[in-house]
C-alpha atoms as a PDB file:
ATOM      1  CA  MET A   1       6.271  -8.913  18.229  1.00  0.00           C
ATOM      2  CA  ARG A   2       7.735  -7.888  14.859  1.00  0.00           C
ATOM      3  CA  VAL A   3       5.692  -5.348  12.897  1.00  0.00           C
ATOM      4  CA  HIS A   4       6.073  -4.083   9.332  1.00  0.00           C
ATOM      5  CA  ILE A   5       4.562  -0.655   8.599  1.00  0.00           C
ATOM      6  CA  ILE A   6       4.084  -0.120   4.861  1.00  0.00           C
ATOM      7  CA  THR A   7       3.135   3.395   3.831  1.00  0.00           C
ATOM      8  CA  ASP A   8       1.838   5.533   0.991  1.00  0.00           C
ATOM      9  CA  MET A   9       1.113   9.272   0.708  1.00  0.00           C
ATOM     10  CA  GLU A  10      -2.231   9.653  -1.028  1.00  0.00           C
ATOM     11  CA  GLY A  11      -4.280   8.420   1.915  1.00  0.00           C
ATOM     12  CA  VAL A  12      -2.840  10.899   4.421  1.00  0.00           C
ATOM     13  CA  SER A  13      -5.032  13.575   6.019  1.00  0.00           C
ATOM     14  CA  GLY A  14      -4.396  16.946   4.397  1.00  0.00           C
ATOM     15  CA  ILE A  15      -3.265  15.464   1.080  1.00  0.00           C
ATOM     16  CA  VAL A  16      -5.674  15.798  -1.850  1.00  0.00           C
ATOM     17  CA  LYS A  17      -3.616  17.275  -4.700  1.00  0.00           C
ATOM     18  CA  GLY A  18      -1.107  15.453  -6.859  1.00  0.00           C
ATOM     19  CA  ALA A  19       1.494  18.166  -6.282  1.00  0.00           C
ATOM     20  CA  GLN A  20       1.574  17.267  -2.596  1.00  0.00           C
ATOM     21  CA  THR A  21       2.862  13.811  -3.512  1.00  0.00           C
ATOM     22  CA  SER A  22       5.241  14.633  -6.391  1.00  0.00           C
ATOM     23  CA  GLY A  23       8.963  14.993  -5.618  1.00  0.00           C
ATOM     24  CA  GLY A  24      10.212  18.527  -6.179  1.00  0.00           C
ATOM     25  CA  ALA A  25       6.752  20.136  -6.481  1.00  0.00           C
ATOM     26  CA  PRO A  26       6.139  23.201  -4.263  1.00  0.00           C
ATOM     27  CA  LEU A  27       3.582  21.427  -2.074  1.00  0.00           C
ATOM     28  CA  TYR A  28       5.632  18.247  -1.702  1.00  0.00           C
ATOM     29  CA  ASP A  29       7.487  19.472   1.388  1.00  0.00           C
ATOM     30  CA  GLU A  30       4.175  19.976   3.172  1.00  0.00           C
ATOM     31  CA  GLY A  31       3.031  16.531   2.058  1.00  0.00           C
ATOM     32  CA  ARG A  32       6.195  14.903   3.404  1.00  0.00           C
ATOM     33  CA  LYS A  33       5.623  16.353   6.873  1.00  0.00           C
ATOM     34  CA  LEU A  34       1.995  15.247   6.952  1.00  0.00           C
ATOM     35  CA  TYR A  35       3.072  11.807   5.730  1.00  0.00           C
ATOM     36  CA  THR A  36       5.851  11.349   8.276  1.00  0.00           C
ATOM     37  CA  GLU A  37       3.645  12.333  11.208  1.00  0.00           C
ATOM     38  CA  GLU A  38       1.002   9.725  10.291  1.00  0.00           C
ATOM     39  CA  ILE A  39       3.781   7.118  10.081  1.00  0.00           C
ATOM     40  CA  ASN A  40       4.919   8.258  13.541  1.00  0.00           C
ATOM     41  CA  ALA A  41       1.421   7.766  14.879  1.00  0.00           C
ATOM     42  CA  ALA A  42       1.410   4.179  13.629  1.00  0.00           C
ATOM     43  CA  VAL A  43       4.838   3.564  15.156  1.00  0.00           C
ATOM     44  CA  ARG A  44       3.658   4.856  18.543  1.00  0.00           C
ATOM     45  CA  GLY A  45       0.526   2.729  18.353  1.00  0.00           C
ATOM     46  CA  ALA A  46       2.473  -0.370  17.377  1.00  0.00           C
ATOM     47  CA  LYS A  47       4.889   0.186  20.253  1.00  0.00           C
ATOM     48  CA  ALA A  48       1.989   0.590  22.684  1.00  0.00           C
ATOM     49  CA  GLY A  49       0.415  -2.550  21.215  1.00  0.00           C
ATOM     50  CA  GLY A  50       3.432  -4.673  22.080  1.00  0.00           C
ATOM     51  CA  ALA A  51       5.730  -4.393  19.071  1.00  0.00           C
ATOM     52  CA  THR A  52       9.351  -5.086  19.932  1.00  0.00           C
ATOM     53  CA  GLU A  53      10.721  -4.489  16.417  1.00  0.00           C
ATOM     54  CA  ILE A  54       9.180  -2.090  13.908  1.00  0.00           C
ATOM     55  CA  VAL A  55      10.367  -1.625  10.342  1.00  0.00           C
ATOM     56  CA  VAL A  56       8.804   1.136   8.234  1.00  0.00           C
ATOM     57  CA  MET A  57       8.884   0.852   4.447  1.00  0.00           C
ATOM     58  CA  ASP A  58       8.119   3.946   2.389  1.00  0.00           C
ATOM     59  CA  CYS A  59       6.198   2.718  -0.678  1.00  0.00           C
ATOM     60  CA  HIS A  60       5.367   6.038  -2.315  1.00  0.00           C
ATOM     61  CA  GLY A  61       6.775   6.551  -5.776  1.00  0.00           C
ATOM     62  CA  ALA A  62       7.239  10.320  -5.757  1.00  0.00           C
ATOM     63  CA  GLY A  63       9.529  10.332  -8.794  1.00  0.00           C
ATOM     64  CA  GLU A  64      13.290  10.218  -9.356  1.00  0.00           C
ATOM     65  CA  GLU A  65      15.394  10.314  -6.178  1.00  0.00           C
ATOM     66  CA  PHE A  66      12.287  10.854  -4.042  1.00  0.00           C
ATOM     67  CA  SER A  67      10.692   7.515  -4.932  1.00  0.00           C
ATOM     68  CA  PHE A  68      10.318   5.332  -1.822  1.00  0.00           C
ATOM     69  CA  ASN A  69      12.198   8.113  -0.055  1.00  0.00           C
ATOM     70  CA  SER A  70       9.467  10.599   0.858  1.00  0.00           C
ATOM     71  CA  LEU A  71       9.392  10.299   4.635  1.00  0.00           C
ATOM     72  CA  LEU A  72      11.544  12.742   6.595  1.00  0.00           C
ATOM     73  CA  PRO A  73      14.100  10.735   8.598  1.00  0.00           C
ATOM     74  CA  GLU A  74      14.883  13.536  11.061  1.00  0.00           C
ATOM     75  CA  LEU A  75      11.237  13.652  12.134  1.00  0.00           C
ATOM     76  CA  LEU A  76      10.761   9.885  12.437  1.00  0.00           C
ATOM     77  CA  GLU A  77       9.996   8.290  15.799  1.00  0.00           C
ATOM     78  CA  PRO A  78      13.096   6.594  17.244  1.00  0.00           C
ATOM     79  CA  ASP A  79      11.313   3.311  18.056  1.00  0.00           C
ATOM     80  CA  CYS A  80      11.595   2.013  14.488  1.00  0.00           C
ATOM     81  CA  GLU A  81      13.943   1.455  11.594  1.00  0.00           C
ATOM     82  CA  PHE A  82      13.082   2.423   8.025  1.00  0.00           C
ATOM     83  CA  VAL A  83      13.762   1.150   4.535  1.00  0.00           C
ATOM     84  CA  VAL A  84      14.468   2.977   1.301  1.00  0.00           C
ATOM     85  CA  GLN A  85      14.008   0.447  -1.487  1.00  0.00           C
ATOM     86  CA  GLN A  86      15.051   0.642  -5.126  1.00  0.00           C
ATOM     87  CA  ASP A  87      11.924  -0.829  -6.750  1.00  0.00           C
ATOM     88  CA  TRP A  88       8.369  -1.035  -5.467  1.00  0.00           C
ATOM     89  CA  THR A  89       7.596  -4.397  -3.739  1.00  0.00           C
ATOM     90  CA  GLU A  90      11.268  -5.332  -4.036  1.00  0.00           C
ATOM     91  CA  TYR A  91      12.185  -5.311  -0.329  1.00  0.00           C
ATOM     92  CA  THR A  92      11.156  -8.597   1.307  1.00  0.00           C
ATOM     93  CA  ALA A  93      14.057  -9.360   3.658  1.00  0.00           C
ATOM     94  CA  PHE A  94      12.178  -8.448   6.834  1.00  0.00           C
ATOM     95  CA  LEU A  95       9.189 -10.550   5.806  1.00  0.00           C
ATOM     96  CA  GLU A  96      11.446 -13.479   4.957  1.00  0.00           C
ATOM     97  CA  GLU A  97      12.817 -13.387   8.509  1.00  0.00           C
ATOM     98  CA  GLY A  98       9.303 -13.714   9.912  1.00  0.00           C
ATOM     99  CA  VAL A  99       6.928 -10.858  10.748  1.00  0.00           C
ATOM    100  CA  ASP A 100       3.880 -11.033  12.997  1.00  0.00           C
ATOM    101  CA  ALA A 101       1.780  -8.255  11.470  1.00  0.00           C
ATOM    102  CA  CYS A 102       1.690  -5.581   8.819  1.00  0.00           C
ATOM    103  CA  LEU A 103       0.065  -2.148   9.170  1.00  0.00           C
ATOM    104  CA  LEU A 104      -0.794  -0.205   5.984  1.00  0.00           C
ATOM    105  CA  VAL A 105      -0.774   3.567   6.449  1.00  0.00           C
ATOM    106  CA  GLY A 106      -1.879   6.256   3.972  1.00  0.00           C
ATOM    107  CA  MET A 107      -3.520   3.902   1.477  1.00  0.00           C
ATOM    108  CA  HIS A 108      -5.565   5.023  -1.516  1.00  0.00           C
ATOM    109  CA  ALA A 109      -8.288   3.256  -3.492  1.00  0.00           C
ATOM    110  CA  ARG A 110      -7.627   1.313  -6.658  1.00  0.00           C
ATOM    111  CA  ALA A 111      -7.989   2.946 -10.069  1.00  0.00           C
ATOM    112  CA  GLY A 112     -11.515   3.902 -11.044  1.00  0.00           C
ATOM    113  CA  ILE A 113     -13.127   3.983  -7.593  1.00  0.00           C
ATOM    114  CA  GLN A 114     -15.533   6.911  -7.273  1.00  0.00           C
ATOM    115  CA  GLY A 115     -14.689   8.972  -4.209  1.00  0.00           C
ATOM    116  CA  GLY A 116     -11.187   7.555  -4.042  1.00  0.00           C
ATOM    117  CA  VAL A 117      -8.812  10.469  -3.474  1.00  0.00           C
ATOM    118  CA  LEU A 118      -5.980  10.345  -6.035  1.00  0.00           C
ATOM    119  CA  ASN A 119      -7.122   6.810  -6.889  1.00  0.00           C
ATOM    120  CA  HIS A 120      -4.834   4.708  -9.057  1.00  0.00           C
ATOM    121  CA  THR A 121      -3.178   1.312  -9.197  1.00  0.00           C
ATOM    122  CA  VAL A 122       0.619   1.091  -9.351  1.00  0.00           C
ATOM    123  CA  SER A 123       1.575   4.669 -10.110  1.00  0.00           C
ATOM    124  CA  GLY A 124       3.651   5.112 -13.226  1.00  0.00           C
ATOM    125  CA  LYS A 125       2.749   1.700 -14.667  1.00  0.00           C
ATOM    126  CA  ASP A 126      -0.462   2.767 -16.447  1.00  0.00           C
ATOM    127  CA  TYR A 127      -2.561   0.017 -14.918  1.00  0.00           C
ATOM    128  CA  PHE A 128      -6.313   0.174 -15.444  1.00  0.00           C
ATOM    129  CA  ASN A 129      -7.429  -3.095 -13.833  1.00  0.00           C
ATOM    130  CA  LEU A 130      -5.500  -5.784 -11.950  1.00  0.00           C
ATOM    131  CA  TRP A 131      -6.791  -9.238 -10.997  1.00  0.00           C
ATOM    132  CA  PHE A 132      -5.292 -11.977  -8.825  1.00  0.00           C
ATOM    133  CA  ASN A 133      -7.101 -15.227  -9.637  1.00  0.00           C
ATOM    134  CA  GLY A 134     -10.126 -13.237 -10.705  1.00  0.00           C
ATOM    135  CA  THR A 135     -10.181 -10.909  -7.682  1.00  0.00           C
ATOM    136  CA  LEU A 136      -9.966  -7.248  -8.664  1.00  0.00           C
ATOM    137  CA  VAL A 137      -7.334  -5.568  -6.476  1.00  0.00           C
ATOM    138  CA  GLY A 138      -5.492  -2.322  -5.927  1.00  0.00           C
ATOM    139  CA  GLU A 139      -2.319  -1.594  -4.046  1.00  0.00           C
ATOM    140  CA  THR A 140      -3.758  -2.784  -0.733  1.00  0.00           C
ATOM    141  CA  GLY A 141      -4.241  -6.174  -2.375  1.00  0.00           C
ATOM    142  CA  ILE A 142      -0.686  -6.170  -3.715  1.00  0.00           C
ATOM    143  CA  HIS A 143       0.749  -5.425  -0.283  1.00  0.00           C
ATOM    144  CA  ALA A 144      -1.485  -8.079   1.281  1.00  0.00           C
ATOM    145  CA  ALA A 145      -0.270 -10.646  -1.274  1.00  0.00           C
ATOM    146  CA  VAL A 146       3.392  -9.737  -0.694  1.00  0.00           C
ATOM    147  CA  CYS A 147       2.948 -10.088   3.061  1.00  0.00           C
ATOM    148  CA  GLY A 148       0.870 -13.230   2.694  1.00  0.00           C
ATOM    149  CA  THR A 149       3.646 -14.864   0.683  1.00  0.00           C
ATOM    150  CA  TRP A 150       5.571 -14.986   3.988  1.00  0.00           C
ATOM    151  CA  ASP A 151       2.528 -15.683   6.199  1.00  0.00           C
ATOM    152  CA  CYS A 152       2.218 -12.144   7.518  1.00  0.00           C
ATOM    153  CA  PRO A 153      -1.327 -10.763   7.964  1.00  0.00           C
ATOM    154  CA  VAL A 154      -2.333  -7.173   7.243  1.00  0.00           C
ATOM    155  CA  LEU A 155      -4.172  -5.999  10.352  1.00  0.00           C
ATOM    156  CA  LEU A 156      -4.645  -2.262   9.708  1.00  0.00           C
ATOM    157  CA  VAL A 157      -5.497  -0.011   6.767  1.00  0.00           C
ATOM    158  CA  THR A 158      -5.604   3.771   7.106  1.00  0.00           C
ATOM    159  CA  GLY A 159      -6.481   6.210   4.355  1.00  0.00           C
ATOM    160  CA  ASP A 160      -9.639   7.640   2.846  1.00  0.00           C
ATOM    161  CA  GLU A 161     -13.002   5.939   3.335  1.00  0.00           C
ATOM    162  CA  ALA A 162     -12.835   4.291  -0.101  1.00  0.00           C
ATOM    163  CA  ALA A 163      -9.485   2.671   0.693  1.00  0.00           C
ATOM    164  CA  CYS A 164     -10.816   1.411   4.020  1.00  0.00           C
ATOM    165  CA  VAL A 165     -13.883  -0.129   2.348  1.00  0.00           C
ATOM    166  CA  GLU A 166     -11.619  -1.765  -0.238  1.00  0.00           C
ATOM    167  CA  GLY A 167      -9.466  -3.226   2.523  1.00  0.00           C
ATOM    168  CA  ARG A 168     -12.416  -4.696   4.416  1.00  0.00           C
ATOM    169  CA  GLU A 169     -13.916  -6.161   1.246  1.00  0.00           C
ATOM    170  CA  LEU A 170     -10.654  -7.958   0.534  1.00  0.00           C
ATOM    171  CA  LEU A 171      -9.468  -8.942   4.012  1.00  0.00           C
ATOM    172  CA  GLY A 172     -12.697  -9.185   6.012  1.00  0.00           C
ATOM    173  CA  ASP A 173     -14.419  -7.384   8.859  1.00  0.00           C
ATOM    174  CA  GLY A 174     -11.646  -8.328  11.281  1.00  0.00           C
ATOM    175  CA  LEU A 175      -9.443  -5.721   9.609  1.00  0.00           C
ATOM    176  CA  THR A 176      -9.015  -2.539  11.623  1.00  0.00           C
ATOM    177  CA  THR A 177      -9.516   0.550   9.486  1.00  0.00           C
ATOM    178  CA  VAL A 178      -9.023   4.243  10.162  1.00  0.00           C
ATOM    179  CA  ALA A 179     -10.599   6.651   7.673  1.00  0.00           C
ATOM    180  CA  VAL A 180      -8.989  10.086   7.921  1.00  0.00           C
ATOM    181  CA  LYS A 181     -10.979  11.631   5.047  1.00  0.00           C
ATOM    182  CA  THR A 182     -13.933  11.018   2.755  1.00  0.00           C
ATOM    183  CA  GLY A 183     -13.371  11.649  -0.921  1.00  0.00           C
ATOM    184  CA  LEU A 184     -15.594  14.089  -2.767  1.00  0.00           C
ATOM    185  CA  GLY A 185     -13.680  13.640  -5.996  1.00  0.00           C
ATOM    186  CA  VAL A 186     -10.265  12.599  -7.210  1.00  0.00           C
ATOM    187  CA  GLN A 187      -8.658  15.764  -5.782  1.00  0.00           C
ATOM    188  CA  SER A 188     -11.109  16.813  -3.070  1.00  0.00           C
ATOM    189  CA  ALA A 189     -12.181  15.458   0.298  1.00  0.00           C
ATOM    190  CA  ARG A 190     -13.813  16.220   3.606  1.00  0.00           C
ATOM    191  CA  GLN A 191     -10.981  15.637   6.051  1.00  0.00           C
ATOM    192  CA  ILE A 192     -10.238  15.088   9.725  1.00  0.00           C
ATOM    193  CA  PRO A 193      -7.575  17.558  10.909  1.00  0.00           C
ATOM    194  CA  PRO A 194      -4.135  15.913  10.947  1.00  0.00           C
ATOM    195  CA  VAL A 195      -3.620  16.192  14.718  1.00  0.00           C
ATOM    196  CA  ARG A 196      -6.851  14.267  15.394  1.00  0.00           C
ATOM    197  CA  ALA A 197      -6.206  11.867  12.528  1.00  0.00           C
ATOM    198  CA  ARG A 198      -2.860  10.940  14.066  1.00  0.00           C
ATOM    199  CA  THR A 199      -4.504  10.141  17.403  1.00  0.00           C
ATOM    200  CA  MET A 200      -6.975   7.903  15.578  1.00  0.00           C
ATOM    201  CA  ILE A 201      -4.170   6.105  13.736  1.00  0.00           C
ATOM    202  CA  GLU A 202      -2.184   5.590  16.936  1.00  0.00           C
ATOM    203  CA  GLU A 203      -5.220   4.102  18.671  1.00  0.00           C
ATOM    204  CA  GLY A 204      -6.069   2.032  15.598  1.00  0.00           C
ATOM    205  CA  ALA A 205      -2.577   0.540  15.389  1.00  0.00           C
ATOM    206  CA  LYS A 206      -2.644  -0.430  19.046  1.00  0.00           C
ATOM    207  CA  ARG A 207      -6.111  -1.930  18.676  1.00  0.00           C
ATOM    208  CA  ALA A 208      -5.144  -3.848  15.528  1.00  0.00           C
ATOM    209  CA  LEU A 209      -2.289  -5.608  17.293  1.00  0.00           C
ATOM    210  CA  ALA A 210      -4.427  -6.707  20.226  1.00  0.00           C
ATOM    211  CA  ASP A 211      -5.447  -9.872  18.347  1.00  0.00           C
ATOM    212  CA  LEU A 212      -3.106 -11.145  15.649  1.00  0.00           C
ATOM    213  CA  SER A 213      -5.498 -13.904  14.620  1.00  0.00           C
ATOM    214  CA  LYS A 214      -8.474 -11.762  13.543  1.00  0.00           C
ATOM    215  CA  VAL A 215      -7.145 -11.421   9.986  1.00  0.00           C
ATOM    216  CA  LYS A 216      -5.481 -14.313   8.221  1.00  0.00           C
ATOM    217  CA  PRO A 217      -2.532 -13.842   5.845  1.00  0.00           C
ATOM    218  CA  TRP A 218      -3.984 -13.284   2.395  1.00  0.00           C
ATOM    219  CA  ASN A 219      -3.145 -15.770  -0.336  1.00  0.00           C
ATOM    220  CA  PRO A 220      -4.777 -15.289  -3.761  1.00  0.00           C
ATOM    221  CA  GLY A 221      -4.458 -19.040  -4.338  1.00  0.00           C
ATOM    222  CA  SER A 222      -2.210 -21.561  -6.043  1.00  0.00           C
ATOM    223  CA  PRO A 223      -1.663 -21.746  -8.916  1.00  0.00           C
ATOM    224  CA  CYS A 224      -2.119 -18.012  -9.392  1.00  0.00           C
ATOM    225  CA  GLU A 225      -3.066 -16.059 -12.482  1.00  0.00           C
ATOM    226  CA  ILE A 226      -2.264 -12.351 -12.536  1.00  0.00           C
ATOM    227  CA  LYS A 227      -4.096 -10.435 -15.213  1.00  0.00           C
ATOM    228  CA  VAL A 228      -3.383  -6.775 -15.966  1.00  0.00           C
ATOM    229  CA  GLU A 229      -5.443  -4.500 -18.171  1.00  0.00           C
ATOM    230  CA  PHE A 230      -3.393  -1.455 -19.097  1.00  0.00           C
ATOM    231  CA  LYS A 231      -4.620   1.944 -20.190  1.00  0.00           C
ATOM    232  CA  HIS A 232      -2.819   1.737 -23.537  1.00  0.00           C
ATOM    233  CA  THR A 233      -1.183  -0.797 -25.850  1.00  0.00           C
ATOM    234  CA  GLY A 234       2.422   0.276 -25.307  1.00  0.00           C
ATOM    235  CA  ALA A 235       2.811  -1.427 -21.940  1.00  0.00           C
ATOM    236  CA  VAL A 236       1.678  -4.725 -23.427  1.00  0.00           C
ATOM    237  CA  ASP A 237       3.955  -4.271 -26.443  1.00  0.00           C
ATOM    238  CA  ALA A 238       6.897  -3.949 -24.048  1.00  0.00           C
ATOM    239  CA  LEU A 239       6.013  -7.191 -22.239  1.00  0.00           C
ATOM    240  CA  ARG A 240       4.883  -9.365 -25.134  1.00  0.00           C
ATOM    241  CA  PHE A 241       8.189 -11.251 -25.477  1.00  0.00           C
ATOM    242  CA  ARG A 242       8.722 -11.745 -21.725  1.00  0.00           C
ATOM    243  CA  LYS A 243       8.849 -15.456 -20.935  1.00  0.00           C
ATOM    244  CA  GLY A 244       5.680 -16.556 -19.158  1.00  0.00           C
ATOM    245  CA  VAL A 245       3.624 -13.567 -20.310  1.00  0.00           C
ATOM    246  CA  GLU A 246       0.565 -14.187 -22.480  1.00  0.00           C
ATOM    247  CA  ARG A 247      -0.958 -11.329 -24.454  1.00  0.00           C
ATOM    248  CA  VAL A 248      -4.736 -11.650 -23.969  1.00  0.00           C
ATOM    249  CA  ASP A 249      -5.694  -8.670 -26.126  1.00  0.00           C
ATOM    250  CA  SER A 250      -4.259  -5.319 -27.182  1.00  0.00           C
ATOM    251  CA  ARG A 251      -4.209  -3.935 -23.609  1.00  0.00           C
ATOM    252  CA  THR A 252      -4.217  -7.027 -21.411  1.00  0.00           C
ATOM    253  CA  ILE A 253      -1.635  -9.594 -20.284  1.00  0.00           C
ATOM    254  CA  SER A 254      -1.921 -12.768 -18.243  1.00  0.00           C
ATOM    255  CA  VAL A 255       0.745 -14.552 -16.205  1.00  0.00           C
ATOM    256  CA  THR A 256       0.210 -17.862 -14.397  1.00  0.00           C
ATOM    257  CA  ALA A 257       2.609 -19.560 -11.989  1.00  0.00           C
ATOM    258  CA  ASP A 258       2.529 -21.948  -9.029  1.00  0.00           C
ATOM    259  CA  THR A 259       2.506 -19.053  -6.540  1.00  0.00           C
ATOM    260  CA  TRP A 260       1.490 -15.415  -6.570  1.00  0.00           C
ATOM    261  CA  TRP A 261       5.079 -14.276  -5.963  1.00  0.00           C
ATOM    262  CA  GLU A 262       6.394 -16.292  -8.891  1.00  0.00           C
ATOM    263  CA  ALA A 263       3.731 -14.813 -11.142  1.00  0.00           C
ATOM    264  CA  TRP A 264       4.397 -11.259  -9.901  1.00  0.00           C
ATOM    265  CA  THR A 265       8.152 -11.438 -10.380  1.00  0.00           C
ATOM    266  CA  THR A 266       7.748 -12.918 -13.857  1.00  0.00           C
ATOM    267  CA  PHE A 267       6.636  -9.601 -15.303  1.00  0.00           C
ATOM    268  CA  TYR A 268       6.790  -6.788 -12.754  1.00  0.00           C
ATOM    269  CA  PHE A 269      10.487  -6.088 -12.267  1.00  0.00           C
END
């Protein structure tokens, strides 16, 4: 069984402040350790659940040389390999080879969700709302669409309660979720201590892989329209001459293609 573990920092137990997720900030070193140990828990659970090949992809944009490079390699469980990618959503080689399941670890809620710790959509891109064929999504939806492009289902979401609810609403009740904290605000939460949270994630990963059919690969549909509402006009100004991009209004673009991946790559990279 081949398993892809895709990870982010904001949904990790113990992380509630932006400085814990920002490369070079004083609290970032602490955040990296908390992050890596939750990844390790998922690796152990996947191994116990029957995974024979595990590839971890760090998807946290911490800034500069730390982007997609936040996990601590020397602390990582040996029963996996890991990827440092150049651009977010750019690494697809493992999926293209054929992957049985994806586990999402450390997820956060989409922008604007009350109680979503450090909620946002596509950090650094100034997204306000994002729709795939009319379905409002956050980063969990983006990862699910990437994986679904190559027929890989997302079977697990861990993070705060808001991220877990978002995952179930999108992917169905068959999705295994592990909530390691409940948001009280954008930078506050009631949290499960990391040691216990890791045990929960390990058990959740093993449980998620017990039935690969309980969640289907997610496909937003074909043809696919991606619509992005940005927080300001500058992002749309920068894209207005990109082939295939339609300016809907001062802060919104629309891209339509035969497949979600074609639409995404038209404007994102």
